[in-house]
């Protein structure tokens, strides 16, 4: 009986304490802002080899995200500019900017990610990026992982050079959660 009372008290404390952490006050929500610049560790040009002679590329500067890739042998490219705004802003109620994105910093699976969403995107998931050091045949390699979906499922990895990108191709690293293919 004492164990049941203790267990109920612990669960109630966790639920009550969790609610306090998850629910910021209105003043806190208004003060919170999206990312102003991309993290320094993300900046630079990164490559992914698609296995068919083509390289996808992402490039981050202080405030720009450029993506170049191929889909069914068709090249696509886009450049979007990072802008800061209040987290509480309603994307449907602000001016339209199709070439702007907002970045939300978050922690998931023991890593720091940045989620990129369209300036006026009010629903759905964005594109997530994280930088990590991975090990491949005894070598430490700096990797950007790109993910999507509600489960932060990794879609591909980018590397600092074309040579490494071609060598690793679509390699899957231990400990990552990937889209089912």
Protein backbone atom coordinates (compact mmCIF):
# COMPACT_ATOMS: atom_id res chain seq x y z
CA UNK A 1 0.00 0.00 0.00
CA UNK A 2 2.82 2.42 0.88
CA UNK A 3 4.47 1.68 -2.46
CA UNK A 4 1.26 2.52 -4.35
CA UNK A 5 0.83 5.83 -2.50
CA UNK A 6 4.46 6.70 -3.13
CA UNK A 7 4.16 5.79 -6.83
CA UNK A 8 1.00 7.92 -7.23
CA UNK A 9 2.74 10.85 -5.50
CA UNK A 10 5.78 10.55 -7.79
CA UNK A 11 3.62 10.35 -10.93
CA UNK A 12 1.53 13.34 -9.83
CA UNK A 13 4.70 15.31 -9.15
CA UNK A 14 6.10 14.46 -12.56
CA UNK A 15 2.87 15.39 -14.32
CA UNK A 16 2.50 18.64 -12.40
CA UNK A 17 6.18 19.54 -12.81
CA UNK A 18 6.11 18.60 -16.51
CA UNK A 19 3.14 20.87 -17.08
CA UNK A 20 5.05 23.77 -15.59
CA UNK A 21 8.02 23.17 -17.89
CA UNK A 22 5.98 22.70 -21.06
CA UNK A 23 3.57 25.60 -20.59
CA UNK A 24 5.32 28.97 -20.69
CA UNK A 25 3.48 32.06 -19.53
CA UNK A 26 2.06 34.42 -22.13
CA UNK A 27 4.81 36.94 -21.38
CA UNK A 28 7.47 34.27 -21.94
CA UNK A 29 5.93 33.16 -25.24
CA UNK A 30 5.85 36.73 -26.52
CA UNK A 31 9.49 37.25 -25.57
CA UNK A 32 10.69 34.06 -27.33
CA UNK A 33 12.04 34.58 -30.83
CA UNK A 34 13.15 32.34 -33.66
CA UNK A 35 16.82 32.08 -34.66
CA UNK A 36 18.47 35.25 -35.93
CA UNK A 37 21.47 33.53 -37.59
CA UNK A 38 22.46 29.97 -38.43
CA UNK A 39 24.77 28.29 -35.92
CA UNK A 40 28.45 28.66 -36.88
CA UNK A 41 28.99 24.91 -36.94
CA UNK A 42 26.36 24.63 -39.71
CA UNK A 43 27.81 27.32 -41.98
CA UNK A 44 29.67 26.33 -45.12
CA UNK A 45 29.03 24.17 -48.18
CA UNK A 46 28.09 20.52 -47.67
CA UNK A 47 27.70 17.71 -50.20
CA UNK A 48 25.68 14.50 -50.58
CA UNK A 49 26.40 12.03 -53.40
CA UNK A 50 23.23 10.55 -54.86
CA UNK A 51 24.95 7.47 -56.35
CA UNK A 52 24.07 8.47 -59.94
CA UNK A 53 26.90 10.87 -60.67
CA UNK A 54 25.20 13.90 -59.10
CA UNK A 55 25.82 15.82 -55.90
CA UNK A 56 23.16 17.47 -53.79
CA UNK A 57 24.48 20.53 -51.99
CA UNK A 58 23.43 22.73 -49.11
CA UNK A 59 25.16 25.94 -48.20
CA UNK A 60 24.59 27.94 -45.06
CA UNK A 61 25.86 31.46 -44.54
CA UNK A 62 25.04 33.64 -41.58
CA UNK A 63 21.46 34.16 -42.80
CA UNK A 64 21.04 32.25 -46.11
CA UNK A 65 20.19 28.64 -46.89
CA UNK A 66 20.91 27.50 -50.44
CA UNK A 67 19.86 24.06 -51.56
CA UNK A 68 20.75 22.45 -54.90
CA UNK A 69 19.80 18.93 -55.82
CA UNK A 70 18.28 16.55 -58.33
CA UNK A 71 14.93 14.81 -58.48
CA UNK A 72 14.45 12.36 -61.37
CA UNK A 73 17.51 13.89 -63.08
CA UNK A 74 15.89 17.35 -62.89
CA UNK A 75 17.99 19.99 -61.16
CA UNK A 76 16.35 22.20 -58.57
CA UNK A 77 17.80 25.09 -56.59
CA UNK A 78 16.48 27.53 -54.04
CA UNK A 79 17.89 30.22 -51.81
CA UNK A 80 15.96 31.27 -48.73
CA UNK A 81 16.82 33.98 -46.22
CA UNK A 82 16.53 33.42 -42.47
CA UNK A 83 14.48 36.05 -40.64
CA UNK A 84 13.69 36.34 -36.96
CA UNK A 85 10.22 36.82 -35.51
CA UNK A 86 8.31 36.12 -32.32
CA UNK A 87 7.52 32.46 -31.82
CA UNK A 88 3.94 33.44 -30.96
CA UNK A 89 3.38 35.26 -34.30
CA UNK A 90 0.58 33.82 -36.41
CA UNK A 91 2.14 33.03 -39.83
CA UNK A 92 -1.21 33.49 -41.55
CA UNK A 93 -1.56 37.02 -40.18
CA UNK A 94 1.82 38.43 -41.24
CA UNK A 95 3.05 39.74 -44.59
CA UNK A 96 3.79 37.11 -47.26
CA UNK A 97 7.45 36.41 -47.94
CA UNK A 98 7.91 33.26 -50.07
CA UNK A 99 11.74 33.44 -49.95
CA UNK A 100 12.00 33.77 -46.15
CA UNK A 101 12.35 31.05 -43.53
CA UNK A 102 12.33 30.93 -39.76
CA UNK A 103 14.54 28.67 -37.67
CA UNK A 104 13.52 26.98 -34.44
CA UNK A 105 16.33 25.58 -32.30
CA UNK A 106 15.53 22.37 -30.45
CA UNK A 107 17.10 19.39 -28.72
CA UNK A 108 16.12 15.89 -29.70
CA UNK A 109 17.87 12.53 -29.41
CA UNK A 110 20.83 14.06 -27.55
CA UNK A 111 21.57 16.55 -30.35
CA UNK A 112 20.96 20.20 -31.20
CA UNK A 113 18.82 20.65 -34.32
CA UNK A 114 17.49 23.63 -36.22
CA UNK A 115 14.09 23.27 -37.85
CA UNK A 116 13.51 25.46 -40.90
CA UNK A 117 9.99 26.43 -41.90
CA UNK A 118 8.58 28.82 -44.42
CA UNK A 119 7.93 32.33 -43.08
CA UNK A 120 4.19 31.87 -43.58
CA UNK A 121 4.05 28.13 -42.84
CA UNK A 122 1.37 27.51 -40.24
CA UNK A 123 1.15 23.71 -40.32
CA UNK A 124 3.28 20.67 -41.07
CA UNK A 125 6.88 19.86 -40.33
CA UNK A 126 9.90 21.70 -41.62
CA UNK A 127 13.33 20.51 -42.63
CA UNK A 128 15.70 19.74 -39.77
CA UNK A 129 19.50 19.91 -39.71
CA UNK A 130 22.09 18.90 -37.15
CA UNK A 131 25.87 18.71 -37.16
CA UNK A 132 27.61 15.79 -35.50
CA UNK A 133 30.91 13.95 -35.51
CA UNK A 134 30.43 10.41 -36.79
CA UNK A 135 32.86 7.52 -36.99
CA UNK A 136 33.51 5.64 -40.20
CA UNK A 137 36.25 2.96 -40.35
CA UNK A 138 38.10 4.52 -37.43
CA UNK A 139 37.94 8.05 -38.85
CA UNK A 140 36.01 10.90 -37.25
CA UNK A 141 33.93 12.73 -39.87
CA UNK A 142 31.90 15.93 -39.50
CA UNK A 143 28.41 15.29 -40.85
CA UNK A 144 25.26 17.32 -41.37
CA UNK A 145 22.16 15.20 -41.10
CA UNK A 146 18.98 16.34 -42.83
CA UNK A 147 15.69 15.10 -41.43
CA UNK A 148 11.97 15.62 -41.84
CA UNK A 149 8.62 14.54 -40.50
CA UNK A 150 7.20 14.49 -37.02
CA UNK A 151 9.70 11.81 -35.98
CA UNK A 152 12.79 13.70 -37.16
CA UNK A 153 13.56 10.89 -39.59
CA UNK A 154 16.93 11.32 -41.27
CA UNK A 155 16.72 11.46 -45.06
CA UNK A 156 20.38 11.98 -45.96
CA UNK A 157 23.77 13.14 -44.75
CA UNK A 158 26.02 15.89 -46.12
CA UNK A 159 29.80 16.09 -45.88
CA UNK A 160 32.36 18.88 -46.12
CA UNK A 161 33.91 17.57 -49.36
CA UNK A 162 32.74 15.86 -52.55
CA UNK A 163 35.37 13.17 -52.05
CA UNK A 164 33.97 12.12 -48.66
CA UNK A 165 30.39 12.45 -49.96
CA UNK A 166 31.13 10.06 -52.83
CA UNK A 167 32.96 7.64 -50.53
CA UNK A 168 30.10 7.46 -48.03
CA UNK A 169 27.16 7.93 -50.43
CA UNK A 170 23.98 6.80 -48.68
CA UNK A 171 25.78 5.29 -45.68
CA UNK A 172 23.59 4.82 -42.62
CA UNK A 173 25.17 5.60 -39.28
CA UNK A 174 24.41 3.63 -36.15
CA UNK A 175 22.12 5.45 -33.72
CA UNK A 176 20.18 7.47 -36.32
CA UNK A 177 16.48 7.08 -37.05
CA UNK A 178 15.88 6.91 -40.81
CA UNK A 179 12.85 7.06 -43.05
CA UNK A 180 11.85 3.55 -44.06
CA UNK A 181 13.02 2.89 -47.60
